Amino acid sequence: MNKFIAFIILIGICLIAFKVSQNNISKTDRTENTAASDSARYNNAFDRVKNLVKNNKNYNKELAFLLDMKRPSGRNRFFVVDLRNNQLLDQGLVAHGSGSETGQTGQLKFSNKDSSYATSLGLYAIGVSYNGRFGKAYRLFGLEDSNSNAYDRNIVLHKYDNMPYDEQVAPICLSQGCPMVNVKFYERLQRIIDTSQKQIILSIYY
């Protein structure tokens, strides 16, 4: 009888060990898949910007801003990229619009409608600066059907005092549809924009 009980216990231990092992493998697979899809989205956005600026003399052919809204808001998802050498030059946190929230973790929605407070996907040209509610900000001109109302909606690139600088687990604050960044990170972006001879393209993708 004791041998039978010991045998049952041994089987239980083996089953628990197998389940833990499978869970660890599953977590590893999810991490690798996420990294792969991050890279795929980045490469697709990079290629779209590269193709846009290639034959347009008005746009900066050396630098661009890529914003990956599929990544959690607490992670860096605003990327400054070198278009010539395909290198990441800088990165930081960026908020999405409150109207893009769905109530489901990891799921966002997007809109081009006025008063939606949602982020709009697509390619933007960064325009002139002005001083407004958040200090110096840059007007954004939507270049696609998905973001064609950006200017009329007052969608701009701006800073916000309460935006965190470092990555975190918890979601960050929300905007009213604008790409909103930390003050310190914004200072670096501002230097890039203000010294550019041509318009810089900003891409928001998902």
N, C-alpha and C. Protein backbone atom coordinates (compact mmCIF):
# COMPACT_ATOMS: atom_id res chain seq x y z
N MET A 1 0.83 -1.21 0.00
CA MET A 1 0.00 0.00 0.00
C MET A 1 0.86 1.26 0.00
N ASN A 2 1.92 1.24 0.84
CA ASN A 2 2.82 2.38 0.91
C ASN A 2 3.51 2.62 -0.43
N LYS A 3 3.86 1.49 -1.11
CA LYS A 3 4.50 1.61 -2.42
C LYS A 3 3.55 2.25 -3.43
N PHE A 4 2.26 1.88 -3.33
CA PHE A 4 1.26 2.44 -4.25
C PHE A 4 1.11 3.94 -4.03
N ILE A 5 1.05 4.35 -2.77
CA ILE A 5 0.92 5.77 -2.44
C ILE A 5 2.14 6.54 -2.94
N ALA A 6 3.33 5.96 -2.73
CA ALA A 6 4.57 6.60 -3.17
C ALA A 6 4.58 6.74 -4.69
N PHE A 7 4.03 5.72 -5.37
CA PHE A 7 3.98 5.75 -6.84
C PHE A 7 3.06 6.87 -7.32
N ILE A 8 1.90 7.01 -6.63
CA ILE A 8 0.95 8.07 -6.99
C ILE A 8 1.57 9.44 -6.78
N ILE A 9 2.27 9.62 -5.65
CA ILE A 9 2.93 10.89 -5.36
C ILE A 9 3.98 11.22 -6.41
N LEU A 10 4.73 10.19 -6.82
CA LEU A 10 5.77 10.38 -7.84
C LEU A 10 5.16 10.83 -9.16
N ILE A 11 4.04 10.22 -9.54
CA ILE A 11 3.36 10.62 -10.78
C ILE A 11 2.89 12.06 -10.68
N GLY A 12 2.35 12.45 -9.51
CA GLY A 12 1.90 13.82 -9.30
C GLY A 12 3.01 14.83 -9.45
N ILE A 13 4.17 14.50 -8.86
CA ILE A 13 5.34 15.38 -8.96
C ILE A 13 5.77 15.53 -10.41
N CYS A 14 5.77 14.44 -11.13
CA CYS A 14 6.17 14.47 -12.55
C CYS A 14 5.21 15.33 -13.37
N LEU A 15 3.91 15.22 -13.09
CA LEU A 15 2.92 16.01 -13.82
C LEU A 15 3.08 17.50 -13.54
N ILE A 16 3.34 17.84 -12.27
CA ILE A 16 3.55 19.24 -11.91
C ILE A 16 4.78 19.79 -12.60
N ALA A 17 5.87 18.99 -12.59
CA ALA A 17 7.11 19.43 -13.23
C ALA A 17 6.91 19.64 -14.73
N PHE A 18 6.13 18.74 -15.35
CA PHE A 18 5.86 18.86 -16.79
C PHE A 18 5.07 20.12 -17.10
N LYS A 19 4.05 20.40 -16.25
CA LYS A 19 3.22 21.59 -16.46
C LYS A 19 4.03 22.86 -16.32
N VAL A 20 4.90 22.92 -15.30
CA VAL A 20 5.76 24.09 -15.10
C VAL A 20 6.68 24.27 -16.30
N SER A 21 7.23 23.15 -16.77
CA SER A 21 8.12 23.20 -17.93
C SER A 21 7.41 23.73 -19.16
N GLN A 22 6.18 23.25 -19.38
CA GLN A 22 5.40 23.70 -20.53
C GLN A 22 5.06 25.17 -20.42
N ASN A 23 4.74 25.64 -19.20
CA ASN A 23 4.43 27.05 -19.00
C ASN A 23 5.63 27.92 -19.29
N ASN A 24 6.80 27.46 -18.87
CA ASN A 24 8.02 28.22 -19.13
C ASN A 24 8.32 28.30 -20.61
N ILE A 25 8.10 27.19 -21.31
CA ILE A 25 8.31 27.16 -22.76
C ILE A 25 7.33 28.11 -23.44
N SER A 26 6.06 28.08 -22.96
CA SER A 26 5.04 28.95 -23.54
C SER A 26 5.39 30.41 -23.35
N LYS A 27 5.89 30.78 -22.14
CA LYS A 27 6.28 32.15 -21.88
C LYS A 27 7.42 32.57 -22.76
N THR A 28 8.39 31.67 -22.97
CA THR A 28 9.53 31.96 -23.84
C THR A 28 9.08 32.19 -25.27
N ASP A 29 8.14 31.33 -25.71
CA ASP A 29 7.62 31.46 -27.08
C ASP A 29 6.91 32.78 -27.26
N ARG A 30 6.10 33.18 -26.25
CA ARG A 30 5.37 34.44 -26.34
C ARG A 30 6.32 35.62 -26.41
N THR A 31 7.39 35.56 -25.60
CA THR A 31 8.37 36.64 -25.60
C THR A 31 9.06 36.74 -26.95
N GLU A 32 9.45 35.59 -27.51
CA GLU A 32 10.13 35.59 -28.81
C GLU A 32 9.18 36.05 -29.91
N ASN A 33 7.92 35.61 -29.83
CA ASN A 33 6.94 36.01 -30.85
C ASN A 33 6.68 37.51 -30.80
N THR A 34 6.61 38.06 -29.57
CA THR A 34 6.38 39.49 -29.42
C THR A 34 7.54 40.28 -29.99
N ALA A 35 8.76 39.81 -29.69
CA ALA A 35 9.95 40.49 -30.21
C ALA A 35 9.97 40.44 -31.73
N ALA A 36 9.58 39.28 -32.28
CA ALA A 36 9.57 39.12 -33.73
C ALA A 36 8.54 40.04 -34.37
N SER A 37 7.34 40.13 -33.77
CA SER A 37 6.30 40.96 -34.36
C SER A 37 6.65 42.45 -34.19
N ASP A 38 7.30 42.81 -33.07
CA ASP A 38 7.79 44.18 -32.90
C ASP A 38 8.72 44.54 -34.04
N SER A 39 9.62 43.64 -34.33
CA SER A 39 10.60 43.87 -35.39
C SER A 39 9.92 43.95 -36.76
N ALA A 40 8.94 43.09 -36.98
CA ALA A 40 8.23 43.09 -38.26
C ALA A 40 7.48 44.40 -38.47
N ARG A 41 6.80 44.86 -37.42
CA ARG A 41 6.07 46.13 -37.53
C ARG A 41 7.03 47.30 -37.76
N TYR A 42 8.13 47.28 -37.04
CA TYR A 42 9.14 48.33 -37.18
C TYR A 42 9.68 48.37 -38.61
N ASN A 43 10.03 47.21 -39.14
CA ASN A 43 10.60 47.14 -40.49
C ASN A 43 9.60 47.61 -41.54
N ASN A 44 8.33 47.26 -41.35
CA ASN A 44 7.31 47.68 -42.30
C ASN A 44 7.12 49.19 -42.26
N ALA A 45 7.09 49.75 -41.05
CA ALA A 45 6.95 51.21 -40.91
C ALA A 45 8.16 51.93 -41.48
N PHE A 46 9.33 51.39 -41.22
CA PHE A 46 10.58 51.97 -41.73
C PHE A 46 10.56 52.01 -43.26
N ASP A 47 10.15 50.90 -43.88
CA ASP A 47 10.12 50.82 -45.34
C ASP A 47 9.10 51.79 -45.93
N ARG A 48 7.96 51.96 -45.28
CA ARG A 48 6.93 52.89 -45.77
C ARG A 48 7.45 54.32 -45.77
N VAL A 49 8.12 54.69 -44.69
CA VAL A 49 8.68 56.05 -44.62
C VAL A 49 9.77 56.22 -45.65
N LYS A 50 10.61 55.23 -45.78
CA LYS A 50 11.72 55.29 -46.73
C LYS A 50 11.19 55.49 -48.16
N ASN A 51 10.14 54.77 -48.50
CA ASN A 51 9.55 54.90 -49.84
C ASN A 51 8.92 56.27 -50.04
N LEU A 52 8.32 56.81 -48.97
CA LEU A 52 7.67 58.12 -49.09
C LEU A 52 8.68 59.24 -49.34
N VAL A 53 9.77 59.22 -48.59
CA VAL A 53 10.73 60.33 -48.67
C VAL A 53 11.66 60.21 -49.87
N LYS A 54 11.74 59.03 -50.45
CA LYS A 54 12.70 58.75 -51.52
C LYS A 54 12.58 59.73 -52.68
N ASN A 55 11.37 60.01 -53.11
CA ASN A 55 11.17 60.85 -54.28
C ASN A 55 10.50 62.18 -53.96
N ASN A 56 10.55 62.58 -52.70
CA ASN A 56 9.93 63.85 -52.32
C ASN A 56 10.99 64.77 -51.71
N LYS A 57 11.28 65.84 -52.39
CA LYS A 57 12.35 66.75 -51.98
C LYS A 57 12.00 67.56 -50.73
N ASN A 58 10.73 67.55 -50.32
CA ASN A 58 10.31 68.33 -49.16
C ASN A 58 10.57 67.63 -47.83
N TYR A 59 10.85 66.33 -47.88
CA TYR A 59 10.96 65.55 -46.66
C TYR A 59 12.41 65.18 -46.33
N ASN A 60 12.69 65.10 -45.05
CA ASN A 60 14.01 64.71 -44.57
C ASN A 60 14.26 63.25 -44.92
N LYS A 61 15.34 62.99 -45.61
CA LYS A 61 15.66 61.62 -46.05
C LYS A 61 16.60 60.90 -45.08
N GLU A 62 16.99 61.59 -44.05
CA GLU A 62 17.96 61.01 -43.11
C GLU A 62 17.34 60.54 -41.80
N LEU A 63 16.31 61.24 -41.33
CA LEU A 63 15.73 60.93 -40.03
C LEU A 63 14.21 60.80 -40.12
N ALA A 64 13.65 59.97 -39.23
CA ALA A 64 12.20 59.84 -39.13
C ALA A 64 11.84 59.41 -37.71
N PHE A 65 10.57 59.60 -37.36
CA PHE A 65 10.06 59.17 -36.07
C PHE A 65 9.05 58.05 -36.28
N LEU A 66 9.24 56.92 -35.62
CA LEU A 66 8.33 55.78 -35.73
C LEU A 66 7.69 55.51 -34.37
N LEU A 67 6.35 55.43 -34.34
CA LEU A 67 5.62 55.24 -33.09
C LEU A 67 4.81 53.95 -33.17
N ASP A 68 5.19 52.96 -32.37
CA ASP A 68 4.54 51.65 -32.39
C ASP A 68 3.48 51.55 -31.29
N MET A 69 2.22 51.76 -31.66
CA MET A 69 1.14 51.75 -30.68
C MET A 69 0.69 50.36 -30.26
N LYS A 70 1.30 49.34 -30.83
CA LYS A 70 0.99 47.97 -30.40
C LYS A 70 1.73 47.63 -29.11
N ARG A 71 2.83 48.29 -28.86
CA ARG A 71 3.59 48.06 -27.64
C ARG A 71 2.85 48.69 -26.45
N PRO A 72 2.97 48.11 -25.25
CA PRO A 72 2.33 48.70 -24.06
C PRO A 72 2.81 50.12 -23.85
N SER A 73 1.94 50.98 -23.35
CA SER A 73 2.28 52.40 -23.21
C SER A 73 3.40 52.64 -22.21
N GLY A 74 3.63 51.71 -21.30
CA GLY A 74 4.70 51.87 -20.33
C GLY A 74 6.07 51.53 -20.87
N ARG A 75 6.12 51.05 -22.12
CA ARG A 75 7.40 50.71 -22.75
C ARG A 75 7.76 51.77 -23.79
N ASN A 76 9.04 51.90 -24.06
CA ASN A 76 9.47 52.83 -25.11
C ASN A 76 8.85 52.40 -26.44
N ARG A 77 8.20 53.34 -27.10
CA ARG A 77 7.58 53.01 -28.39
C ARG A 77 7.62 54.19 -29.36
N PHE A 78 8.37 55.23 -28.99
CA PHE A 78 8.64 56.36 -29.88
C PHE A 78 10.10 56.24 -30.27
N PHE A 79 10.35 55.95 -31.55
CA PHE A 79 11.70 55.67 -32.02
C PHE A 79 12.19 56.74 -33.00
N VAL A 80 13.37 57.26 -32.75
CA VAL A 80 14.04 58.17 -33.69
C VAL A 80 15.00 57.30 -34.49
N VAL A 81 14.83 57.28 -35.81
CA VAL A 81 15.61 56.36 -36.62
C VAL A 81 16.43 57.06 -37.70
N ASP A 82 17.55 56.46 -38.00
CA ASP A 82 18.43 56.89 -39.08
C ASP A 82 18.00 56.14 -40.33
N LEU A 83 17.42 56.85 -41.28
CA LEU A 83 16.89 56.20 -42.48
C LEU A 83 17.98 55.69 -43.41
N ARG A 84 19.13 56.34 -43.41
CA ARG A 84 20.21 55.93 -44.32
C ARG A 84 20.88 54.63 -43.86
N ASN A 85 21.07 54.51 -42.55
CA ASN A 85 21.80 53.36 -42.02
C ASN A 85 20.93 52.38 -41.24
N ASN A 86 19.61 52.65 -41.20
CA ASN A 86 18.67 51.79 -40.49
C ASN A 86 19.13 51.55 -39.05
N GLN A 87 19.37 52.63 -38.34
CA GLN A 87 19.82 52.55 -36.96
C GLN A 87 18.86 53.29 -36.05
N LEU A 88 18.70 52.76 -34.84
CA LEU A 88 17.90 53.42 -33.82
C LEU A 88 18.77 54.44 -33.11
N LEU A 89 18.36 55.71 -33.15
CA LEU A 89 19.15 56.79 -32.57
C LEU A 89 18.69 57.19 -31.16
N ASP A 90 17.39 57.06 -30.91
CA ASP A 90 16.85 57.46 -29.61
C ASP A 90 15.47 56.83 -29.46
N GLN A 91 14.99 56.77 -28.23
CA GLN A 91 13.66 56.21 -28.00
C GLN A 91 13.09 56.72 -26.68
N GLY A 92 11.77 56.69 -26.57
CA GLY A 92 11.12 57.16 -25.36
C GLY A 92 9.67 56.74 -25.30
N LEU A 93 9.02 57.11 -24.21
CA LEU A 93 7.60 56.82 -24.03
C LEU A 93 6.75 57.82 -24.81
N VAL A 94 5.58 57.39 -25.22
CA VAL A 94 4.64 58.29 -25.89
C VAL A 94 3.22 57.85 -25.55
N ALA A 95 2.36 58.81 -25.27
CA ALA A 95 0.97 58.51 -24.91
C ALA A 95 0.12 58.35 -26.16
N HIS A 96 -0.94 57.57 -26.02
CA HIS A 96 -1.97 57.51 -27.07
C HIS A 96 -3.22 58.20 -26.55
N GLY A 97 -4.18 58.40 -27.42
CA GLY A 97 -5.38 59.13 -27.06
C GLY A 97 -6.32 58.33 -26.15
N SER A 98 -7.00 59.03 -25.26
CA SER A 98 -7.95 58.36 -24.36
C SER A 98 -9.07 57.67 -25.14
N GLY A 99 -9.40 58.22 -26.31
CA GLY A 99 -10.44 57.62 -27.15
C GLY A 99 -10.02 56.33 -27.82
N SER A 100 -8.75 55.98 -27.70
CA SER A 100 -8.26 54.72 -28.28
C SER A 100 -8.37 53.56 -27.30
N GLU A 101 -8.73 53.86 -26.06
CA GLU A 101 -8.88 52.80 -25.06
C GLU A 101 -10.11 51.95 -25.36
N THR A 102 -9.99 50.64 -25.17
CA THR A 102 -11.10 49.72 -25.42
C THR A 102 -11.56 49.01 -24.15
N GLY A 103 -10.79 49.18 -23.07
CA GLY A 103 -11.11 48.45 -21.84
C GLY A 103 -10.48 47.08 -21.79
N GLN A 104 -9.82 46.69 -22.88
CA GLN A 104 -9.15 45.40 -22.95
C GLN A 104 -7.64 45.62 -23.03
N THR A 105 -6.90 44.95 -22.18
CA THR A 105 -5.45 45.10 -22.14
C THR A 105 -4.82 44.71 -23.48
N GLY A 106 -4.00 45.61 -24.00
CA GLY A 106 -3.30 45.32 -25.25
C GLY A 106 -4.10 45.55 -26.51
N GLN A 107 -5.32 46.04 -26.36
CA GLN A 107 -6.17 46.29 -27.52
C GLN A 107 -6.54 47.77 -27.60
N LEU A 108 -6.19 48.40 -28.70
CA LEU A 108 -6.55 49.80 -28.92
C LEU A 108 -7.42 49.93 -30.16
N LYS A 109 -8.15 51.04 -30.24
CA LYS A 109 -8.90 51.38 -31.44
C LYS A 109 -8.46 52.76 -31.89
N PHE A 110 -8.71 53.08 -33.15
CA PHE A 110 -8.18 54.32 -33.71
C PHE A 110 -9.27 55.03 -34.51
N SER A 111 -9.15 56.35 -34.57
CA SER A 111 -10.18 57.13 -35.27
C SER A 111 -9.57 58.39 -35.86
N ASN A 112 -10.18 58.83 -36.96
CA ASN A 112 -9.79 60.06 -37.63
C ASN A 112 -10.85 61.15 -37.41
N LYS A 113 -11.84 60.86 -36.56
CA LYS A 113 -12.97 61.76 -36.36
C LYS A 113 -12.68 62.82 -35.31
N ASP A 114 -13.24 63.99 -35.52
CA ASP A 114 -13.11 65.08 -34.57
C ASP A 114 -13.81 64.71 -33.26
N SER A 115 -13.24 65.16 -32.15
CA SER A 115 -13.78 64.93 -30.81
C SER A 115 -13.78 63.46 -30.40
N SER A 116 -13.07 62.61 -31.12
CA SER A 116 -12.98 61.20 -30.74
C SER A 116 -11.92 60.98 -29.66
N TYR A 117 -10.98 61.94 -29.54
CA TYR A 117 -9.86 61.84 -28.60
C TYR A 117 -9.02 60.58 -28.83
N ALA A 118 -9.12 60.05 -30.04
CA ALA A 118 -8.39 58.82 -30.36
C ALA A 118 -7.16 59.14 -31.19
N THR A 119 -6.20 58.26 -31.10
CA THR A 119 -5.02 58.33 -31.96
C THR A 119 -5.41 57.93 -33.37
N SER A 120 -4.80 58.55 -34.36
CA SER A 120 -4.99 58.18 -35.77
C SER A 120 -3.72 57.55 -36.30
N LEU A 121 -3.86 56.43 -36.95
CA LEU A 121 -2.71 55.76 -37.55
C LEU A 121 -2.35 56.43 -38.87
N GLY A 122 -1.09 56.26 -39.28
CA GLY A 122 -0.67 56.75 -40.59
C GLY A 122 0.59 57.57 -40.56
N LEU A 123 0.94 58.08 -41.73
CA LEU A 123 2.13 58.90 -41.91
C LEU A 123 1.77 60.38 -41.76
N TYR A 124 2.60 61.10 -41.03
CA TYR A 124 2.41 62.53 -40.81
C TYR A 124 3.67 63.29 -41.22
N ALA A 125 3.48 64.53 -41.65
CA ALA A 125 4.60 65.45 -41.84
C ALA A 125 4.57 66.41 -40.66
N ILE A 126 5.72 66.60 -40.02
CA ILE A 126 5.79 67.51 -38.88
C ILE A 126 5.92 68.94 -39.40
N GLY A 127 4.98 69.79 -38.99
CA GLY A 127 4.94 71.15 -39.48
C GLY A 127 5.57 72.15 -38.53
N VAL A 128 5.14 73.39 -38.64
CA VAL A 128 5.71 74.48 -37.86
C VAL A 128 5.30 74.37 -36.40
N SER A 129 6.09 75.01 -35.55
CA SER A 129 5.79 75.01 -34.12
C SER A 129 4.94 76.22 -33.75
N TYR A 130 4.33 76.16 -32.59
CA TYR A 130 3.56 77.28 -32.04
C TYR A 130 3.56 77.13 -30.52
N ASN A 131 3.21 78.15 -29.81
CA ASN A 131 3.12 78.09 -28.36
C ASN A 131 1.66 77.99 -27.95
N GLY A 132 1.35 76.91 -27.24
CA GLY A 132 -0.02 76.68 -26.84
C GLY A 132 -0.13 76.25 -25.40
N ARG A 133 -1.13 75.47 -25.12
CA ARG A 133 -1.44 75.01 -23.76
C ARG A 133 -0.28 74.28 -23.09
N PHE A 134 0.47 73.52 -23.89
CA PHE A 134 1.58 72.74 -23.35
C PHE A 134 2.94 73.35 -23.69
N GLY A 135 2.94 74.64 -24.03
CA GLY A 135 4.18 75.28 -24.43
C GLY A 135 4.42 75.07 -25.91
N LYS A 136 5.65 74.94 -26.29
CA LYS A 136 5.98 74.76 -27.70
C LYS A 136 5.50 73.39 -28.18
N ALA A 137 4.79 73.39 -29.29
CA ALA A 137 4.27 72.16 -29.88
C ALA A 137 4.41 72.24 -31.39
N TYR A 138 4.32 71.08 -32.05
CA TYR A 138 4.48 71.02 -33.51
C TYR A 138 3.20 70.49 -34.16
N ARG A 139 2.71 71.24 -35.12
CA ARG A 139 1.52 70.80 -35.85
C ARG A 139 1.86 69.58 -36.70
N LEU A 140 0.88 68.69 -36.81
CA LEU A 140 1.05 67.48 -37.61
C LEU A 140 0.06 67.47 -38.76
N PHE A 141 0.57 67.14 -39.94
CA PHE A 141 -0.26 67.08 -41.14
C PHE A 141 -0.40 65.62 -41.57
N GLY A 142 -1.64 65.09 -41.50
CA GLY A 142 -1.88 63.72 -41.90
C GLY A 142 -1.75 63.56 -43.41
N LEU A 143 -1.04 62.52 -43.82
CA LEU A 143 -0.78 62.29 -45.24
C LEU A 143 -1.58 61.14 -45.83
N GLU A 144 -2.47 60.56 -45.02
CA GLU A 144 -3.25 59.41 -45.49
C GLU A 144 -4.72 59.58 -45.10
N ASP A 145 -5.57 58.74 -45.68
CA ASP A 145 -7.00 58.80 -45.36
C ASP A 145 -7.25 58.55 -43.88
N SER A 146 -6.41 57.74 -43.27
CA SER A 146 -6.60 57.36 -41.86
C SER A 146 -6.29 58.49 -40.89
N ASN A 147 -5.59 59.53 -41.34
CA ASN A 147 -5.24 60.64 -40.45
C ASN A 147 -5.39 62.00 -41.12
N SER A 148 -6.23 62.07 -42.15
CA SER A 148 -6.38 63.28 -42.96
C SER A 148 -6.94 64.47 -42.18
N ASN A 149 -7.59 64.22 -41.05
CA ASN A 149 -8.18 65.31 -40.27
C ASN A 149 -7.28 65.78 -39.13
N ALA A 150 -6.03 65.34 -39.12
CA ALA A 150 -5.13 65.65 -38.00
C ALA A 150 -5.02 67.15 -37.75
N TYR A 151 -4.83 67.93 -38.79
CA TYR A 151 -4.66 69.38 -38.62
C TYR A 151 -5.93 70.01 -38.04
N ASP A 152 -7.08 69.65 -38.60
CA ASP A 152 -8.35 70.21 -38.13
C ASP A 152 -8.67 69.76 -36.71
N ARG A 153 -8.19 68.59 -36.32
CA ARG A 153 -8.42 68.07 -34.97
C ARG A 153 -7.40 68.63 -33.97
N ASN A 154 -6.48 69.43 -34.47
CA ASN A 154 -5.41 69.98 -33.61
C ASN A 154 -4.55 68.88 -32.99
N ILE A 155 -4.26 67.89 -33.79
CA ILE A 155 -3.35 66.82 -33.35
C ILE A 155 -1.93 67.32 -33.53
N VAL A 156 -1.19 67.40 -32.43
CA VAL A 156 0.16 67.97 -32.46
C VAL A 156 1.11 67.09 -31.64
N LEU A 157 2.38 67.28 -31.88
CA LEU A 157 3.42 66.64 -31.07
C LEU A 157 3.76 67.60 -29.95
N HIS A 158 3.56 67.15 -28.71
CA HIS A 158 3.83 68.06 -27.58
C HIS A 158 4.33 67.30 -26.36
N LYS A 159 4.81 68.06 -25.39
CA LYS A 159 5.30 67.49 -24.13
C LYS A 159 4.23 67.63 -23.06
N TYR A 160 4.48 66.93 -21.94
CA TYR A 160 3.55 67.02 -20.81
C TYR A 160 4.34 66.77 -19.53
N ASP A 161 4.18 67.65 -18.57
CA ASP A 161 4.97 67.59 -17.34
C ASP A 161 4.82 66.28 -16.57
N ASN A 162 3.64 65.67 -16.61
CA ASN A 162 3.39 64.47 -15.82
C ASN A 162 3.68 63.17 -16.56
N MET A 163 4.23 63.28 -17.76
CA MET A 163 4.64 62.08 -18.49
C MET A 163 5.92 61.53 -17.87
N PRO A 164 5.95 60.23 -17.55
CA PRO A 164 7.17 59.64 -17.00
C PRO A 164 8.27 59.57 -18.05
N TYR A 165 9.50 59.49 -17.58
CA TYR A 165 10.64 59.40 -18.50
C TYR A 165 11.07 57.95 -18.71
N ASP A 166 11.11 57.19 -17.62
CA ASP A 166 11.59 55.81 -17.68
C ASP A 166 10.45 54.84 -17.97
N GLU A 167 10.80 53.70 -18.54
CA GLU A 167 9.83 52.65 -18.78
C GLU A 167 9.26 52.16 -17.45
N GLN A 168 8.02 51.68 -17.49
CA GLN A 168 7.37 51.18 -16.29
C GLN A 168 6.37 50.09 -16.66
N VAL A 169 5.94 49.34 -15.66
CA VAL A 169 4.99 48.26 -15.89
C VAL A 169 3.58 48.81 -16.11
N ALA A 170 3.21 49.78 -15.30
CA ALA A 170 1.86 50.34 -15.38
C ALA A 170 1.69 51.21 -16.62
N PRO A 171 0.47 51.30 -17.16
CA PRO A 171 0.21 52.19 -18.29
C PRO A 171 0.48 53.64 -17.90
N ILE A 172 0.85 54.45 -18.88
CA ILE A 172 1.12 55.86 -18.62
C ILE A 172 -0.15 56.67 -18.86
N CYS A 173 -0.07 57.98 -18.63
CA CYS A 173 -1.23 58.85 -18.81
C CYS A 173 -1.64 58.91 -20.29
N LEU A 174 -2.85 59.38 -20.52
CA LEU A 174 -3.41 59.43 -21.87
C LEU A 174 -3.49 60.87 -22.37
N SER A 175 -3.49 61.00 -23.70
CA SER A 175 -3.63 62.32 -24.32
C SER A 175 -5.05 62.45 -24.89
N GLN A 176 -5.29 63.54 -25.61
CA GLN A 176 -6.57 63.71 -26.29
C GLN A 176 -6.46 63.37 -27.77
N GLY A 177 -5.51 62.49 -28.07
CA GLY A 177 -5.30 62.04 -29.44
C GLY A 177 -3.94 62.38 -29.97
N CYS A 178 -3.21 63.24 -29.26
CA CYS A 178 -1.88 63.67 -29.69
C CYS A 178 -0.78 62.70 -29.25
N PRO A 179 0.30 62.62 -30.01
CA PRO A 179 1.49 61.93 -29.51
C PRO A 179 2.15 62.84 -28.46
N MET A 180 2.07 62.46 -27.21
CA MET A 180 2.49 63.29 -26.09
C MET A 180 3.66 62.60 -25.39
N VAL A 181 4.75 63.34 -25.15
CA VAL A 181 5.97 62.74 -24.61
C VAL A 181 6.47 63.47 -23.37
N ASN A 182 7.45 62.87 -22.73
CA ASN A 182 8.10 63.45 -21.56
C ASN A 182 8.89 64.71 -21.93
N VAL A 183 8.99 65.63 -21.00
CA VAL A 183 9.66 66.91 -21.24
C VAL A 183 11.13 66.72 -21.64
N LYS A 184 11.83 65.87 -20.93
CA LYS A 184 13.25 65.64 -21.20
C LYS A 184 13.45 65.03 -22.59
N PHE A 185 12.62 64.06 -22.92
CA PHE A 185 12.70 63.43 -24.24
C PHE A 185 12.31 64.44 -25.33
N TYR A 186 11.33 65.26 -25.04
CA TYR A 186 10.86 66.27 -25.98
C TYR A 186 11.96 67.25 -26.34
N GLU A 187 12.78 67.60 -25.37
CA GLU A 187 13.88 68.53 -25.64
C GLU A 187 14.82 67.98 -26.70
N ARG A 188 15.05 66.69 -26.68
CA ARG A 188 15.92 66.08 -27.69
C ARG A 188 15.23 66.05 -29.05
N LEU A 189 13.93 65.76 -29.06
CA LEU A 189 13.18 65.78 -30.31
C LEU A 189 13.13 67.19 -30.90
N GLN A 190 12.96 68.15 -30.04
CA GLN A 190 12.88 69.55 -30.47
C GLN A 190 14.16 69.99 -31.18
N ARG A 191 15.30 69.60 -30.64
CA ARG A 191 16.57 69.95 -31.29
C ARG A 191 16.66 69.35 -32.68
N ILE A 192 16.18 68.12 -32.81
CA ILE A 192 16.21 67.45 -34.12
C ILE A 192 15.30 68.16 -35.11
N ILE A 193 14.08 68.46 -34.69
CA ILE A 193 13.11 69.09 -35.58
C ILE A 193 13.54 70.49 -35.99
N ASP A 194 14.01 71.25 -35.01
CA ASP A 194 14.35 72.65 -35.28
C ASP A 194 15.59 72.81 -36.15
N THR A 195 16.46 71.81 -36.17
CA THR A 195 17.68 71.90 -36.98
C THR A 195 17.53 71.21 -38.33
N SER A 196 16.38 70.59 -38.56
CA SER A 196 16.16 69.90 -39.83
C SER A 196 15.81 70.92 -40.92
N GLN A 197 16.46 70.79 -42.05
CA GLN A 197 16.20 71.69 -43.18
C GLN A 197 14.88 71.35 -43.88
N LYS A 198 14.41 70.11 -43.69
CA LYS A 198 13.19 69.66 -44.36
C LYS A 198 12.26 69.00 -43.34
N GLN A 199 11.01 68.82 -43.75
CA GLN A 199 10.03 68.23 -42.84
C GLN A 199 10.39 66.79 -42.49
N ILE A 200 10.24 66.48 -41.23
CA ILE A 200 10.49 65.11 -40.75
C ILE A 200 9.17 64.34 -40.77
N ILE A 201 9.23 63.10 -41.20
CA ILE A 201 8.04 62.26 -41.25
C ILE A 201 7.90 61.50 -39.92
N LEU A 202 6.67 61.49 -39.42
CA LEU A 202 6.32 60.75 -38.22
C LEU A 202 5.31 59.70 -38.60
N SER A 203 5.57 58.45 -38.24
CA SER A 203 4.67 57.36 -38.58
C SER A 203 4.10 56.74 -37.31
N ILE A 204 2.77 56.67 -37.22
CA ILE A 204 2.11 55.99 -36.11
C ILE A 204 1.50 54.71 -36.66
N TYR A 205 1.91 53.58 -36.11
CA TYR A 205 1.46 52.28 -36.65
C TYR A 205 1.06 51.34 -35.52
N TYR A 206 0.44 50.21 -35.92
CA TYR A 206 -0.12 49.29 -34.92
C TYR A 206 -0.02 47.86 -35.44
